[in-house]
All heavy atoms as atom14 arrays in JSON, in Angstrom:
{
  "sequence": "LNVLFSVPPVLTFLTGLSVMFLVGHNSRSNKEELQILEYIRQVEYDTL",
  "atom14_mask": [
    [1, 1, 1, 1, 1, 1, 1, 1, 0, 0, 0, 0, 0, 0],
    [1, 1, 1, 1, 1, 1, 1, 1, 0, 0, 0, 0, 0, 0],
    [1, 1, 1, 1, 1, 1, 1, 0, 0, 0, 0, 0, 0, 0],
    [1, 1, 1, 1, 1, 1, 1, 1, 0, 0, 0, 0, 0, 0],
    [1, 1, 1, 1, 1, 1, 1, 1, 1, 1, 1, 0, 0, 0],
    [1, 1, 1, 1, 1, 1, 0, 0, 0, 0, 0, 0, 0, 0],
    [1, 1, 1, 1, 1, 1, 1, 0, 0, 0, 0, 0, 0, 0],
    [1, 1, 1, 1, 1, 1, 1, 0, 0, 0, 0, 0, 0, 0],
    [1, 1, 1, 1, 1, 1, 1, 0, 0, 0, 0, 0, 0, 0],
    [1, 1, 1, 1, 1, 1, 1, 0, 0, 0, 0, 0, 0, 0],
    [1, 1, 1, 1, 1, 1, 1, 1, 0, 0, 0, 0, 0, 0],
    [1, 1, 1, 1, 1, 1, 1, 0, 0, 0, 0, 0, 0, 0],
    [1, 1, 1, 1, 1, 1, 1, 1, 1, 1, 1, 0, 0, 0],
    [1, 1, 1, 1, 1, 1, 1, 1, 0, 0, 0, 0, 0, 0],
    [1, 1, 1, 1, 1, 1, 1, 0, 0, 0, 0, 0, 0, 0],
    [1, 1, 1, 1, 0, 0, 0, 0, 0, 0, 0, 0, 0, 0],
    [1, 1, 1, 1, 1, 1, 1, 1, 0, 0, 0, 0, 0, 0],
    [1, 1, 1, 1, 1, 1, 0, 0, 0, 0, 0, 0, 0, 0],
    [1, 1, 1, 1, 1, 1, 1, 0, 0, 0, 0, 0, 0, 0],
    [1, 1, 1, 1, 1, 1, 1, 1, 0, 0, 0, 0, 0, 0],
    [1, 1, 1, 1, 1, 1, 1, 1, 1, 1, 1, 0, 0, 0],
    [1, 1, 1, 1, 1, 1, 1, 1, 0, 0, 0, 0, 0, 0],
    [1, 1, 1, 1, 1, 1, 1, 0, 0, 0, 0, 0, 0, 0],
    [1, 1, 1, 1, 0, 0, 0, 0, 0, 0, 0, 0, 0, 0],
    [1, 1, 1, 1, 1, 1, 1, 1, 1, 1, 0, 0, 0, 0],
    [1, 1, 1, 1, 1, 1, 1, 1, 0, 0, 0, 0, 0, 0],
    [1, 1, 1, 1, 1, 1, 0, 0, 0, 0, 0, 0, 0, 0],
    [1, 1, 1, 1, 1, 1, 1, 1, 1, 1, 1, 0, 0, 0],
    [1, 1, 1, 1, 1, 1, 0, 0, 0, 0, 0, 0, 0, 0],
    [1, 1, 1, 1, 1, 1, 1, 1, 0, 0, 0, 0, 0, 0],
    [1, 1, 1, 1, 1, 1, 1, 1, 1, 0, 0, 0, 0, 0],
    [1, 1, 1, 1, 1, 1, 1, 1, 1, 0, 0, 0, 0, 0],
    [1, 1, 1, 1, 1, 1, 1, 1, 1, 0, 0, 0, 0, 0],
    [1, 1, 1, 1, 1, 1, 1, 1, 0, 0, 0, 0, 0, 0],
    [1, 1, 1, 1, 1, 1, 1, 1, 1, 0, 0, 0, 0, 0],
    [1, 1, 1, 1, 1, 1, 1, 1, 0, 0, 0, 0, 0, 0],
    [1, 1, 1, 1, 1, 1, 1, 1, 0, 0, 0, 0, 0, 0],
    [1, 1, 1, 1, 1, 1, 1, 1, 1, 0, 0, 0, 0, 0],
    [1, 1, 1, 1, 1, 1, 1, 1, 1, 1, 1, 1, 0, 0],
    [1, 1, 1, 1, 1, 1, 1, 1, 0, 0, 0, 0, 0, 0],
    [1, 1, 1, 1, 1, 1, 1, 1, 1, 1, 1, 0, 0, 0],
    [1, 1, 1, 1, 1, 1, 1, 1, 1, 0, 0, 0, 0, 0],
    [1, 1, 1, 1, 1, 1, 1, 0, 0, 0, 0, 0, 0, 0],
    [1, 1, 1, 1, 1, 1, 1, 1, 1, 0, 0, 0, 0, 0],
    [1, 1, 1, 1, 1, 1, 1, 1, 1, 1, 1, 1, 0, 0],
    [1, 1, 1, 1, 1, 1, 1, 1, 0, 0, 0, 0, 0, 0],
    [1, 1, 1, 1, 1, 1, 1, 0, 0, 0, 0, 0, 0, 0],
    [1, 1, 1, 1, 1, 1, 1, 1, 0, 0, 0, 0, 0, 0]
  ],
  "atom14_positions": [
    [[114.41, 10.39, -0.79], [114.52, 9.28, 0.24], [114.5, 9.63, 1.63], [114.08, 8.95, 2.54], [115.86, 8.48, -0.08], [115.9, 7.85, -1.34], [117.32, 7.14, -1.62], [114.92, 6.77, -1.5], [0.0, 0.0, 0.0], [0.0, 0.0, 0.0], [0.0, 0.0, 0.0], [0.0, 0.0, 0.0], [0.0, 0.0, 0.0], [0.0, 0.0, 0.0]],
    [[115.01, 10.83, 1.92], [114.94, 11.38, 3.24], [113.53, 11.8, 3.79], [113.16, 11.4, 4.9], [115.79, 12.63, 3.48], [116.03, 13.11, 4.84], [115.28, 14.07, 5.2], [116.89, 12.45, 5.61], [0.0, 0.0, 0.0], [0.0, 0.0, 0.0], [0.0, 0.0, 0.0], [0.0, 0.0, 0.0], [0.0, 0.0, 0.0], [0.0, 0.0, 0.0]],
    [[112.86, 12.41, 2.8], [111.33, 12.75, 3.14], [110.49, 11.51, 3.23], [109.63, 11.32, 4.12], [110.8, 13.71, 2.07], [109.38, 13.93, 2.31], [111.56, 15.02, 2.11], [0.0, 0.0, 0.0], [0.0, 0.0, 0.0], [0.0, 0.0, 0.0], [0.0, 0.0, 0.0], [0.0, 0.0, 0.0], [0.0, 0.0, 0.0], [0.0, 0.0, 0.0]],
    [[110.71, 10.52, 2.27], [109.78, 9.4, 2.21], [110.16, 8.21, 3.2], [109.24, 7.65, 3.79], [109.8, 8.78, 0.68], [109.14, 9.77, -0.34], [109.39, 9.11, -1.72], [107.72, 10.08, 0.04], [0.0, 0.0, 0.0], [0.0, 0.0, 0.0], [0.0, 0.0, 0.0], [0.0, 0.0, 0.0], [0.0, 0.0, 0.0], [0.0, 0.0, 0.0]],
    [[111.5, 8.09, 3.26], [111.89, 6.81, 4.07], [112.88, 7.11, 5.26], [113.46, 6.34, 5.77], [112.52, 5.7, 3.17], [111.51, 5.39, 2.02], [111.85, 5.76, 0.73], [110.48, 4.57, 2.32], [110.98, 5.45, -0.29], [109.61, 4.19, 1.19], [109.91, 4.67, -0.03], [0.0, 0.0, 0.0], [0.0, 0.0, 0.0], [0.0, 0.0, 0.0]],
    [[113.01, 8.49, 5.44], [114.01, 8.9, 6.39], [115.5, 8.37, 6.18], [116.16, 8.11, 7.26], [113.5, 8.56, 7.87], [112.29, 9.17, 8.18], [0.0, 0.0, 0.0], [0.0, 0.0, 0.0], [0.0, 0.0, 0.0], [0.0, 0.0, 0.0], [0.0, 0.0, 0.0], [0.0, 0.0, 0.0], [0.0, 0.0, 0.0], [0.0, 0.0, 0.0]],
    [[115.8, 8.05, 5.02], [117.2, 7.72, 4.78], [118.13, 8.82, 4.98], [118.0, 9.89, 4.43], [117.33, 7.16, 3.2], [118.78, 6.83, 2.87], [116.38, 5.96, 2.98], [0.0, 0.0, 0.0], [0.0, 0.0, 0.0], [0.0, 0.0, 0.0], [0.0, 0.0, 0.0], [0.0, 0.0, 0.0], [0.0, 0.0, 0.0], [0.0, 0.0, 0.0]],
    [[119.19, 8.58, 5.81], [120.25, 9.69, 5.97], [120.85, 10.17, 4.76], [121.21, 9.42, 3.88], [121.24, 9.0, 6.96], [120.55, 7.88, 7.57], [119.6, 7.39, 6.52], [0.0, 0.0, 0.0], [0.0, 0.0, 0.0], [0.0, 0.0, 0.0], [0.0, 0.0, 0.0], [0.0, 0.0, 0.0], [0.0, 0.0, 0.0], [0.0, 0.0, 0.0]],
    [[120.9, 11.57, 4.62], [121.51, 12.1, 3.34], [122.91, 11.58, 3.02], [123.33, 11.43, 1.85], [121.53, 13.58, 3.68], [120.48, 13.8, 4.71], [120.29, 12.59, 5.5], [0.0, 0.0, 0.0], [0.0, 0.0, 0.0], [0.0, 0.0, 0.0], [0.0, 0.0, 0.0], [0.0, 0.0, 0.0], [0.0, 0.0, 0.0], [0.0, 0.0, 0.0]],
    [[123.74, 11.3, 4.15], [125.03, 10.85, 3.91], [125.01, 9.49, 3.24], [125.97, 9.28, 2.34], [125.83, 10.72, 5.2], [125.15, 9.79, 6.24], [127.34, 10.47, 4.98], [0.0, 0.0, 0.0], [0.0, 0.0, 0.0], [0.0, 0.0, 0.0], [0.0, 0.0, 0.0], [0.0, 0.0, 0.0], [0.0, 0.0, 0.0], [0.0, 0.0, 0.0]],
    [[124.15, 8.59, 3.62], [124.03, 7.31, 2.93], [123.73, 7.35, 1.42], [124.37, 6.64, 0.67], [123.03, 6.47, 3.64], [122.92, 5.03, 3.17], [124.14, 4.22, 3.31], [121.79, 4.29, 3.96], [0.0, 0.0, 0.0], [0.0, 0.0, 0.0], [0.0, 0.0, 0.0], [0.0, 0.0, 0.0], [0.0, 0.0, 0.0], [0.0, 0.0, 0.0]],
    [[122.78, 8.31, 1.09], [122.36, 8.51, -0.4], [123.57, 8.99, -1.13], [123.84, 8.6, -2.24], [121.23, 9.38, -0.46], [120.09, 8.97, 0.48], [120.65, 9.5, -1.74], [0.0, 0.0, 0.0], [0.0, 0.0, 0.0], [0.0, 0.0, 0.0], [0.0, 0.0, 0.0], [0.0, 0.0, 0.0], [0.0, 0.0, 0.0], [0.0, 0.0, 0.0]],
    [[124.25, 9.92, -0.54], [125.41, 10.59, -1.26], [126.56, 9.63, -1.41], [127.13, 9.59, -2.37], [125.91, 11.85, -0.59], [125.46, 13.04, -1.38], [124.39, 13.86, -1.09], [126.33, 13.49, -2.42], [124.13, 15.07, -1.76], [126.04, 14.65, -3.24], [124.95, 15.42, -2.87], [0.0, 0.0, 0.0], [0.0, 0.0, 0.0], [0.0, 0.0, 0.0]],
    [[126.77, 8.76, -0.35], [127.86, 7.72, -0.65], [127.51, 6.83, -1.64], [128.28, 6.27, -2.42], [128.09, 7.18, 0.75], [128.76, 7.97, 1.86], [128.92, 7.2, 3.18], [130.32, 8.21, 1.29], [0.0, 0.0, 0.0], [0.0, 0.0, 0.0], [0.0, 0.0, 0.0], [0.0, 0.0, 0.0], [0.0, 0.0, 0.0], [0.0, 0.0, 0.0]],
    [[126.19, 6.4, -1.75], [125.73, 5.51, -2.83], [126.02, 6.2, -4.16], [126.5, 5.5, -5.19], [124.25, 5.27, -2.6], [123.99, 4.77, -1.34], [123.78, 4.27, -3.6], [0.0, 0.0, 0.0], [0.0, 0.0, 0.0], [0.0, 0.0, 0.0], [0.0, 0.0, 0.0], [0.0, 0.0, 0.0], [0.0, 0.0, 0.0], [0.0, 0.0, 0.0]],
    [[125.63, 7.51, -4.37], [125.84, 8.19, -5.55], [127.3, 8.24, -5.82], [127.74, 8.12, -7.03], [0.0, 0.0, 0.0], [0.0, 0.0, 0.0], [0.0, 0.0, 0.0], [0.0, 0.0, 0.0], [0.0, 0.0, 0.0], [0.0, 0.0, 0.0], [0.0, 0.0, 0.0], [0.0, 0.0, 0.0], [0.0, 0.0, 0.0], [0.0, 0.0, 0.0]],
    [[128.21, 8.46, -4.89], [129.6, 8.47, -5.05], [130.25, 7.18, -5.51], [131.1, 7.03, -6.49], [130.32, 8.84, -3.74], [131.84, 9.09, -3.8], [132.19, 10.35, -4.62], [132.38, 9.22, -2.36], [0.0, 0.0, 0.0], [0.0, 0.0, 0.0], [0.0, 0.0, 0.0], [0.0, 0.0, 0.0], [0.0, 0.0, 0.0], [0.0, 0.0, 0.0]],
    [[129.6, 6.05, -5.01], [130.07, 4.74, -5.43], [129.71, 4.47, -6.8], [130.44, 3.88, -7.6], [129.47, 3.7, -4.54], [128.1, 3.63, -4.65], [0.0, 0.0, 0.0], [0.0, 0.0, 0.0], [0.0, 0.0, 0.0], [0.0, 0.0, 0.0], [0.0, 0.0, 0.0], [0.0, 0.0, 0.0], [0.0, 0.0, 0.0], [0.0, 0.0, 0.0]],
    [[128.61, 5.04, -7.25], [128.14, 4.85, -8.67], [129.01, 5.65, -9.6], [129.45, 5.17, -10.66], [126.64, 5.31, -8.87], [126.26, 5.31, -10.41], [125.74, 4.45, -8.1], [0.0, 0.0, 0.0], [0.0, 0.0, 0.0], [0.0, 0.0, 0.0], [0.0, 0.0, 0.0], [0.0, 0.0, 0.0], [0.0, 0.0, 0.0], [0.0, 0.0, 0.0]],
    [[129.44, 6.8, -9.04], [130.31, 7.7, -9.87], [131.65, 6.98, -10.09], [132.28, 6.96, -11.12], [130.57, 9.0, -9.17], [131.64, 9.8, -9.68], [132.26, 11.25, -8.46], [133.75, 11.67, -9.33], [0.0, 0.0, 0.0], [0.0, 0.0, 0.0], [0.0, 0.0, 0.0], [0.0, 0.0, 0.0], [0.0, 0.0, 0.0], [0.0, 0.0, 0.0]],
    [[132.2, 6.25, -8.98], [133.48, 5.66, -9.05], [133.35, 4.49, -10.03], [134.3, 4.21, -10.76], [133.94, 5.19, -7.71], [134.45, 6.27, -6.7], [134.27, 6.18, -5.41], [135.13, 7.27, -7.42], [134.8, 7.19, -4.58], [135.72, 8.29, -6.55], [135.54, 8.21, -5.1], [0.0, 0.0, 0.0], [0.0, 0.0, 0.0], [0.0, 0.0, 0.0]],
    [[132.28, 3.69, -10.02], [132.16, 2.61, -10.81], [132.16, 3.15, -12.32], [132.66, 2.46, -13.23], [130.81, 1.83, -10.52], [130.86, 1.04, -9.18], [129.46, 0.54, -8.89], [131.93, -0.1, -9.27], [0.0, 0.0, 0.0], [0.0, 0.0, 0.0], [0.0, 0.0, 0.0], [0.0, 0.0, 0.0], [0.0, 0.0, 0.0], [0.0, 0.0, 0.0]],
    [[131.35, 4.12, -12.55], [131.26, 4.72, -13.89], [132.55, 5.23, -14.35], [133.04, 4.87, -15.45], [130.19, 5.64, -14.05], [130.27, 6.44, -15.41], [128.77, 5.12, -13.8], [0.0, 0.0, 0.0], [0.0, 0.0, 0.0], [0.0, 0.0, 0.0], [0.0, 0.0, 0.0], [0.0, 0.0, 0.0], [0.0, 0.0, 0.0], [0.0, 0.0, 0.0]],
    [[133.2, 5.87, -13.49], [134.56, 6.48, -13.75], [135.66, 5.47, -14.06], [136.44, 5.69, -14.93], [0.0, 0.0, 0.0], [0.0, 0.0, 0.0], [0.0, 0.0, 0.0], [0.0, 0.0, 0.0], [0.0, 0.0, 0.0], [0.0, 0.0, 0.0], [0.0, 0.0, 0.0], [0.0, 0.0, 0.0], [0.0, 0.0, 0.0], [0.0, 0.0, 0.0]],
    [[135.59, 4.34, -13.31], [136.61, 3.33, -13.44], [136.63, 2.65, -14.83], [137.66, 2.31, -15.27], [136.43, 2.3, -12.37], [137.41, 1.33, -12.43], [138.7, 1.38, -11.93], [137.32, -0.12, -12.75], [139.35, 0.33, -12.12], [138.63, -0.77, -12.57], [0.0, 0.0, 0.0], [0.0, 0.0, 0.0], [0.0, 0.0, 0.0], [0.0, 0.0, 0.0]],
    [[135.38, 2.48, -15.34], [135.21, 1.86, -16.7], [135.57, 2.82, -17.73], [135.64, 2.37, -19.0], [133.85, 1.32, -16.76], [133.63, 0.06, -15.84], [134.5, -0.64, -15.54], [132.4, 0.15, -15.28], [0.0, 0.0, 0.0], [0.0, 0.0, 0.0], [0.0, 0.0, 0.0], [0.0, 0.0, 0.0], [0.0, 0.0, 0.0], [0.0, 0.0, 0.0]],
    [[135.75, 4.07, -17.41], [135.94, 5.1, -18.6], [137.22, 5.84, -18.44], [137.52, 6.46, -19.43], [134.79, 6.01, -18.52], [133.46, 5.49, -18.56], [0.0, 0.0, 0.0], [0.0, 0.0, 0.0], [0.0, 0.0, 0.0], [0.0, 0.0, 0.0], [0.0, 0.0, 0.0], [0.0, 0.0, 0.0], [0.0, 0.0, 0.0], [0.0, 0.0, 0.0]],
    [[137.97, 5.71, -17.37], [139.17, 6.38, -17.07], [140.36, 5.4, -16.87], [140.32, 4.32, -16.5], [139.18, 7.25, -15.85], [137.99, 8.32, -15.96], [138.28, 9.33, -16.89], [137.19, 10.31, -16.81], [137.07, 11.31, -17.85], [137.94, 11.38, -18.82], [136.03, 12.18, -17.87], [0.0, 0.0, 0.0], [0.0, 0.0, 0.0], [0.0, 0.0, 0.0]],
    [[141.57, 5.98, -17.3], [142.77, 5.22, -17.04], [143.04, 5.28, -15.56], [142.71, 6.37, -14.91], [143.97, 5.73, -17.92], [144.17, 7.13, -17.48], [0.0, 0.0, 0.0], [0.0, 0.0, 0.0], [0.0, 0.0, 0.0], [0.0, 0.0, 0.0], [0.0, 0.0, 0.0], [0.0, 0.0, 0.0], [0.0, 0.0, 0.0], [0.0, 0.0, 0.0]],
    [[143.96, 4.46, -15.04], [144.28, 4.55, -13.64], [145.05, 5.8, -13.33], [144.97, 6.39, -12.27], [145.12, 3.32, -13.24], [144.38, 2.08, -13.26], [143.14, 2.04, -13.03], [145.03, 0.99, -13.47], [0.0, 0.0, 0.0], [0.0, 0.0, 0.0], [0.0, 0.0, 0.0], [0.0, 0.0, 0.0], [0.0, 0.0, 0.0], [0.0, 0.0, 0.0]],
    [[145.95, 6.23, -14.4], [146.65, 7.46, -14.12], [145.71, 8.59, -13.94], [145.96, 9.54, -13.13], [147.63, 7.67, -15.28], [148.48, 8.9, -15.13], [149.41, 8.99, -16.37], [150.3, 10.28, -16.32], [151.1, 10.37, -17.52], [0.0, 0.0, 0.0], [0.0, 0.0, 0.0], [0.0, 0.0, 0.0], [0.0, 0.0, 0.0], [0.0, 0.0, 0.0]],
    [[144.74, 8.71, -14.79], [143.91, 9.89, -14.65], [142.98, 9.85, -13.39], [142.79, 10.93, -12.79], [142.88, 9.89, -15.87], [142.12, 11.22, -15.98], [141.34, 11.38, -17.36], [141.38, 10.39, -18.19], [140.87, 12.47, -17.62], [0.0, 0.0, 0.0], [0.0, 0.0, 0.0], [0.0, 0.0, 0.0], [0.0, 0.0, 0.0], [0.0, 0.0, 0.0]],
    [[142.66, 8.7, -12.98], [141.9, 8.65, -11.71], [142.72, 8.97, -10.51], [142.34, 9.74, -9.59], [141.57, 7.18, -11.37], [140.24, 6.63, -12.11], [139.67, 5.34, -11.65], [140.17, 4.99, -10.58], [138.84, 4.75, -12.28], [0.0, 0.0, 0.0], [0.0, 0.0, 0.0], [0.0, 0.0, 0.0], [0.0, 0.0, 0.0], [0.0, 0.0, 0.0]],
    [[144.11, 8.76, -10.48], [144.97, 9.19, -9.48], [145.15, 10.72, -9.56], [145.15, 11.37, -8.48], [146.33, 8.59, -9.55], [146.32, 7.01, -9.25], [147.72, 6.43, -9.62], [146.16, 6.82, -7.76], [0.0, 0.0, 0.0], [0.0, 0.0, 0.0], [0.0, 0.0, 0.0], [0.0, 0.0, 0.0], [0.0, 0.0, 0.0], [0.0, 0.0, 0.0]],
    [[145.16, 11.32, -10.68], [145.3, 12.77, -10.83], [144.0, 13.45, -10.26], [144.22, 14.49, -9.54], [145.39, 13.2, -12.28], [146.69, 12.79, -12.92], [146.82, 13.13, -14.31], [145.78, 13.26, -15.06], [148.06, 13.12, -14.93], [0.0, 0.0, 0.0], [0.0, 0.0, 0.0], [0.0, 0.0, 0.0], [0.0, 0.0, 0.0], [0.0, 0.0, 0.0]],
    [[142.89, 12.93, -10.5], [141.53, 13.55, -9.95], [141.66, 13.38, -8.44], [141.28, 14.32, -7.68], [140.32, 12.79, -10.48], [140.24, 13.01, -11.97], [139.05, 13.32, -9.79], [140.06, 14.55, -12.42], [0.0, 0.0, 0.0], [0.0, 0.0, 0.0], [0.0, 0.0, 0.0], [0.0, 0.0, 0.0], [0.0, 0.0, 0.0], [0.0, 0.0, 0.0]],
    [[141.96, 12.2, -7.9], [141.99, 12.04, -6.37], [142.95, 12.95, -5.77], [142.82, 13.4, -4.71], [142.38, 10.54, -6.19], [141.31, 9.56, -6.39], [141.83, 8.1, -6.22], [140.02, 9.7, -5.62], [0.0, 0.0, 0.0], [0.0, 0.0, 0.0], [0.0, 0.0, 0.0], [0.0, 0.0, 0.0], [0.0, 0.0, 0.0], [0.0, 0.0, 0.0]],
    [[144.16, 13.06, -6.43], [145.16, 14.1, -5.9], [144.74, 15.45, -5.95], [144.98, 16.22, -4.93], [146.44, 13.94, -6.76], [147.67, 14.81, -6.23], [148.19, 14.42, -4.91], [147.83, 13.31, -4.51], [148.96, 15.28, -4.34], [0.0, 0.0, 0.0], [0.0, 0.0, 0.0], [0.0, 0.0, 0.0], [0.0, 0.0, 0.0], [0.0, 0.0, 0.0]],
    [[144.0, 15.83, -6.95], [143.36, 17.15, -6.99], [142.42, 17.31, -5.74], [142.37, 18.45, -5.1], [142.64, 17.36, -8.23], [141.8, 18.52, -8.4], [142.34, 19.87, -8.74], [140.39, 18.57, -8.15], [141.55, 21.03, -8.8], [139.72, 19.73, -8.21], [140.24, 21.0, -8.52], [139.55, 22.07, -8.57], [0.0, 0.0, 0.0], [0.0, 0.0, 0.0]],
    [[141.57, 16.41, -5.55], [140.63, 16.47, -4.53], [141.32, 16.57, -3.13], [140.92, 17.54, -2.27], [139.66, 15.13, -4.5], [138.76, 15.23, -5.75], [138.75, 15.23, -3.2], [138.21, 13.84, -5.95], [0.0, 0.0, 0.0], [0.0, 0.0, 0.0], [0.0, 0.0, 0.0], [0.0, 0.0, 0.0], [0.0, 0.0, 0.0], [0.0, 0.0, 0.0]],
    [[142.46, 15.85, -2.95], [143.15, 15.82, -1.67], [143.67, 17.2, -1.48], [143.7, 17.74, -0.3], [144.22, 14.84, -1.66], [144.94, 14.71, -0.4], [146.22, 13.89, -0.49], [147.22, 14.54, -1.31], [148.07, 15.59, -0.79], [147.82, 15.91, 0.44], [148.9, 16.09, -1.6], [0.0, 0.0, 0.0], [0.0, 0.0, 0.0], [0.0, 0.0, 0.0]],
    [[144.27, 17.81, -2.52], [144.96, 19.06, -2.3], [143.95, 20.22, -1.99], [144.23, 21.13, -1.25], [145.86, 19.45, -3.53], [147.0, 18.56, -3.71], [147.74, 18.84, -5.05], [147.24, 19.52, -5.95], [148.96, 18.33, -5.23], [0.0, 0.0, 0.0], [0.0, 0.0, 0.0], [0.0, 0.0, 0.0], [0.0, 0.0, 0.0], [0.0, 0.0, 0.0]],
    [[142.91, 20.18, -2.69], [141.95, 21.27, -2.58], [141.12, 21.22, -1.33], [140.77, 22.23, -0.63], [140.99, 21.31, -3.76], [139.94, 22.35, -3.62], [141.78, 21.58, -5.1], [0.0, 0.0, 0.0], [0.0, 0.0, 0.0], [0.0, 0.0, 0.0], [0.0, 0.0, 0.0], [0.0, 0.0, 0.0], [0.0, 0.0, 0.0], [0.0, 0.0, 0.0]],
    [[140.71, 20.08, -0.84], [139.73, 19.73, 0.19], [140.22, 19.51, 1.58], [139.62, 19.68, 2.56], [138.64, 18.75, -0.18], [138.16, 18.87, -1.7], [137.51, 20.22, -2.03], [137.26, 20.83, -1.09], [137.17, 20.45, -3.16], [0.0, 0.0, 0.0], [0.0, 0.0, 0.0], [0.0, 0.0, 0.0], [0.0, 0.0, 0.0], [0.0, 0.0, 0.0]],
    [[141.41, 18.99, 1.74], [141.89, 18.47, 3.01], [141.89, 19.58, 4.1], [141.35, 19.2, 5.18], [143.31, 17.91, 2.82], [143.64, 16.8, 3.86], [142.81, 15.72, 4.05], [144.72, 17.03, 4.78], [143.17, 14.85, 5.08], [145.05, 16.18, 5.71], [144.23, 14.93, 5.87], [144.49, 14.05, 6.83], [0.0, 0.0, 0.0], [0.0, 0.0, 0.0]],
    [[142.33, 20.72, 3.83], [142.21, 21.78, 4.82], [140.88, 22.02, 5.35], [140.58, 22.27, 6.57], [142.96, 23.07, 4.32], [144.45, 23.07, 4.5], [144.96, 22.09, 4.96], [145.07, 24.16, 4.09], [0.0, 0.0, 0.0], [0.0, 0.0, 0.0], [0.0, 0.0, 0.0], [0.0, 0.0, 0.0], [0.0, 0.0, 0.0], [0.0, 0.0, 0.0]],
    [[139.93, 22.04, 4.41], [138.5, 22.29, 4.8], [138.07, 21.14, 5.69], [137.49, 21.51, 6.79], [137.59, 22.34, 3.49], [138.12, 23.33, 2.56], [136.06, 22.56, 3.94], [0.0, 0.0, 0.0], [0.0, 0.0, 0.0], [0.0, 0.0, 0.0], [0.0, 0.0, 0.0], [0.0, 0.0, 0.0], [0.0, 0.0, 0.0], [0.0, 0.0, 0.0]],
    [[138.37, 19.96, 5.47], [137.98, 18.88, 6.35], [138.57, 19.01, 7.73], [137.99, 18.66, 8.74], [138.29, 17.51, 5.6], [137.44, 17.18, 4.37], [138.01, 15.99, 3.75], [135.98, 17.06, 4.73], [0.0, 0.0, 0.0], [0.0, 0.0, 0.0], [0.0, 0.0, 0.0], [0.0, 0.0, 0.0], [0.0, 0.0, 0.0], [0.0, 0.0, 0.0]]
  ]
}
């Protein structure tokens, strides 16, 4: 999409992330989703 239509990479990745959340929401319990989000926060926040 970036080469053909100059779509910014961040927009494409956020779209992919939204698809991931939609798929994950229908397959995971709320408790498990919170555990994954907590894992991400602990590991990545210092980097950001």
